[in-house]
Every structure is written in structure tokens, then in C-alpha cells.
C-alpha atoms as a PDB file:
ATOM      1  CA  UNK A   1       7.780 -16.713   4.067  1.00  0.00           C
ATOM      2  CA  UNK A   2       5.647 -15.743   6.903  1.00  0.00           C
ATOM      3  CA  UNK A   3       1.913 -16.761   6.414  1.00  0.00           C
ATOM      4  CA  UNK A   4       0.573 -12.875   6.460  1.00  0.00           C
ATOM      5  CA  UNK A   5       3.005 -12.059   3.514  1.00  0.00           C
ATOM      6  CA  UNK A   6       2.030 -15.238   1.682  1.00  0.00           C
ATOM      7  CA  UNK A   7      -1.626 -14.649   2.068  1.00  0.00           C
ATOM      8  CA  UNK A   8      -1.234 -10.964   1.056  1.00  0.00           C
ATOM      9  CA  UNK A   9       0.828 -11.889  -2.061  1.00  0.00           C
ATOM     10  CA  UNK A  10      -1.767 -14.194  -3.277  1.00  0.00           C
ATOM     11  CA  UNK A  11      -5.010 -12.325  -2.349  1.00  0.00           C
ATOM     12  CA  UNK A  12      -4.752  -9.601  -5.036  1.00  0.00           C
ATOM     13  CA  UNK A  13      -6.104  -7.062  -2.467  1.00  0.00           C
ATOM     14  CA  UNK A  14      -2.850  -6.328  -0.643  1.00  0.00           C
ATOM     15  CA  UNK A  15       0.018  -4.286  -1.917  1.00  0.00           C
ATOM     16  CA  UNK A  16       3.396  -3.791  -0.269  1.00  0.00           C
ATOM     17  CA  UNK A  17       5.630  -0.921  -1.124  1.00  0.00           C
ATOM     18  CA  UNK A  18       9.242  -1.148  -0.027  1.00  0.00           C
ATOM     19  CA  UNK A  19      12.250   0.963  -0.337  1.00  0.00           C
ATOM     20  CA  UNK A  20      15.660  -0.695  -0.659  1.00  0.00           C
ATOM     21  CA  UNK A  21      19.138   0.471  -0.242  1.00  0.00           C
ATOM     22  CA  UNK A  22      21.883  -2.089  -1.246  1.00  0.00           C
ATOM     23  CA  UNK A  23      19.538  -4.973  -1.307  1.00  0.00           C
ATOM     24  CA  UNK A  24      18.101  -4.239   2.252  1.00  0.00           C
ATOM     25  CA  UNK A  25      14.631  -3.047   2.846  1.00  0.00           C
ATOM     26  CA  UNK A  26      14.794   0.278   4.792  1.00  0.00           C
ATOM     27  CA  UNK A  27      11.053   1.215   4.666  1.00  0.00           C
ATOM     28  CA  UNK A  28       7.631  -0.183   3.760  1.00  0.00           C
ATOM     29  CA  UNK A  29       4.014   0.359   3.681  1.00  0.00           C
ATOM     30  CA  UNK A  30       1.242  -2.330   3.560  1.00  0.00           C
ATOM     31  CA  UNK A  31      -1.928  -1.369   1.619  1.00  0.00           C
ATOM     32  CA  UNK A  32      -5.069  -3.175   1.368  1.00  0.00           C
ATOM     33  CA  UNK A  33      -7.761  -2.518  -1.372  1.00  0.00           C
ATOM     34  CA  UNK A  34     -11.201  -2.415   0.247  1.00  0.00           C
ATOM     35  CA  UNK A  35     -14.177  -3.027  -2.037  1.00  0.00           C
ATOM     36  CA  UNK A  36     -17.390  -1.418  -0.693  1.00  0.00           C
ATOM     37  CA  UNK A  37     -20.780  -3.235  -0.595  1.00  0.00           C
ATOM     38  CA  UNK A  38     -22.498  -2.291  -3.904  1.00  0.00           C
ATOM     39  CA  UNK A  39     -25.453   0.060  -3.689  1.00  0.00           C
ATOM     40  CA  UNK A  40     -28.159  -0.090  -6.340  1.00  0.00           C
ATOM     41  CA  UNK A  41     -28.146   2.888  -8.649  1.00  0.00           C
ATOM     42  CA  UNK A  42     -24.833   4.300  -7.326  1.00  0.00           C
ATOM     43  CA  UNK A  43     -21.377   4.160  -8.569  1.00  0.00           C
ATOM     44  CA  UNK A  44     -19.075   2.815  -5.797  1.00  0.00           C
ATOM     45  CA  UNK A  45     -15.122   2.951  -5.748  1.00  0.00           C
ATOM     46  CA  UNK A  46     -12.787   0.854  -3.898  1.00  0.00           C
ATOM     47  CA  UNK A  47     -10.619   2.518  -1.278  1.00  0.00           C
ATOM     48  CA  UNK A  48      -7.288   1.641   0.241  1.00  0.00           C
ATOM     49  CA  UNK A  49      -6.354   1.068   3.790  1.00  0.00           C
ATOM     50  CA  UNK A  50      -2.757   1.785   4.669  1.00  0.00           C
ATOM     51  CA  UNK A  51      -1.127   0.031   7.634  1.00  0.00           C
ATOM     52  CA  UNK A  52       2.221  -1.259   8.834  1.00  0.00           C
ATOM     53  CA  UNK A  53       4.160   1.781   7.897  1.00  0.00           C
ATOM     54  CA  UNK A  54       7.783   1.619   8.917  1.00  0.00           C
ATOM     55  CA  UNK A  55      11.132   3.215   8.180  1.00  0.00           C
ATOM     56  CA  UNK A  56      14.397   1.852   9.787  1.00  0.00           C
ATOM     57  CA  UNK A  57      15.691   4.291  12.407  1.00  0.00           C
ATOM     58  CA  UNK A  58      19.101   5.059  10.576  1.00  0.00           C
ATOM     59  CA  UNK A  59      16.971   5.920   7.334  1.00  0.00           C
ATOM     60  CA  UNK A  60      14.430   8.281   9.040  1.00  0.00           C
ATOM     61  CA  UNK A  61      14.071  12.060   8.342  1.00  0.00           C
ATOM     62  CA  UNK A  62      15.526  11.552   4.743  1.00  0.00           C
ATOM     63  CA  UNK A  63      12.286  11.587   2.918  1.00  0.00           C
ATOM     64  CA  UNK A  64      12.121   7.892   2.063  1.00  0.00           C
ATOM     65  CA  UNK A  65       8.628   7.257   3.945  1.00  0.00           C
ATOM     66  CA  UNK A  66       7.263  10.387   2.320  1.00  0.00           C
ATOM     67  CA  UNK A  67       8.240   9.071  -1.190  1.00  0.00           C
ATOM     68  CA  UNK A  68       6.352   5.880  -0.466  1.00  0.00           C
ATOM     69  CA  UNK A  69       3.339   7.751   0.854  1.00  0.00           C
ATOM     70  CA  UNK A  70       3.314  10.003  -2.215  1.00  0.00           C
ATOM     71  CA  UNK A  71       3.372   6.656  -4.396  1.00  0.00           C
ATOM     72  CA  UNK A  72       0.476   5.352  -2.377  1.00  0.00           C
ATOM     73  CA  UNK A  73      -1.508   8.477  -3.102  1.00  0.00           C
ATOM     74  CA  UNK A  74      -0.978   8.063  -6.745  1.00  0.00           C
ATOM     75  CA  UNK A  75      -2.066   4.549  -6.569  1.00  0.00           C
ATOM     76  CA  UNK A  76      -5.374   5.673  -4.784  1.00  0.00           C
ATOM     77  CA  UNK A  77      -6.139   8.015  -7.520  1.00  0.00           C
ATOM     78  CA  UNK A  78      -5.593   5.458 -10.215  1.00  0.00           C
ATOM     79  CA  UNK A  79      -7.712   2.956  -8.388  1.00  0.00           C
ATOM     80  CA  UNK A  80     -10.382   5.362  -8.199  1.00  0.00           C
ATOM     81  CA  UNK A  81     -10.144   6.257 -11.929  1.00  0.00           C
ATOM     82  CA  UNK A  82     -10.135   2.510 -12.880  1.00  0.00           C
ATOM     83  CA  UNK A  83     -13.599   1.759 -11.615  1.00  0.00           C
END
């Protein structure tokens, strides 16, 4: 496994959403959970940074990437509510 993926998997701050068809990854989004620096007297919430978004050419314009993005938005909301 590539070092980036191994580090991401073990860090607890990276999430990788994938869409598969017939066992093949056809789309993915990498998401990093970012913790803000604490500020006295204020409630702070983490946020997520989305990067490395890709859908294979033959699967584009079928709504697959949009579904992954909507899932990412739902996770952002859940993370904000957890803190």
C-alpha cells in the first residue's frame, strides 16, 4: 500500500470515500479532519478539508461524484454536532 494511504489510514484524521462498481473503484474523495487551535472561552469545532476528488472518465456525469459529495456534507454536519 502506498505510504500516503497507509499514513492516512492510521492517522484517524483522514477519511477516504470510494464508489465501487463490480469491485472496481470508480470515484473517490479524500477528506482530512482539521482541528482548530483552542481559544479560551470559545467553543471550537473541527472542519474538514476535501481533496483528491476523482471519478473515472467513463463514470462521469452519472451522479456518482455528487453522491460522494453529499455524503461528505452529511459527515461535516455530524462532526460539527459531535463536538
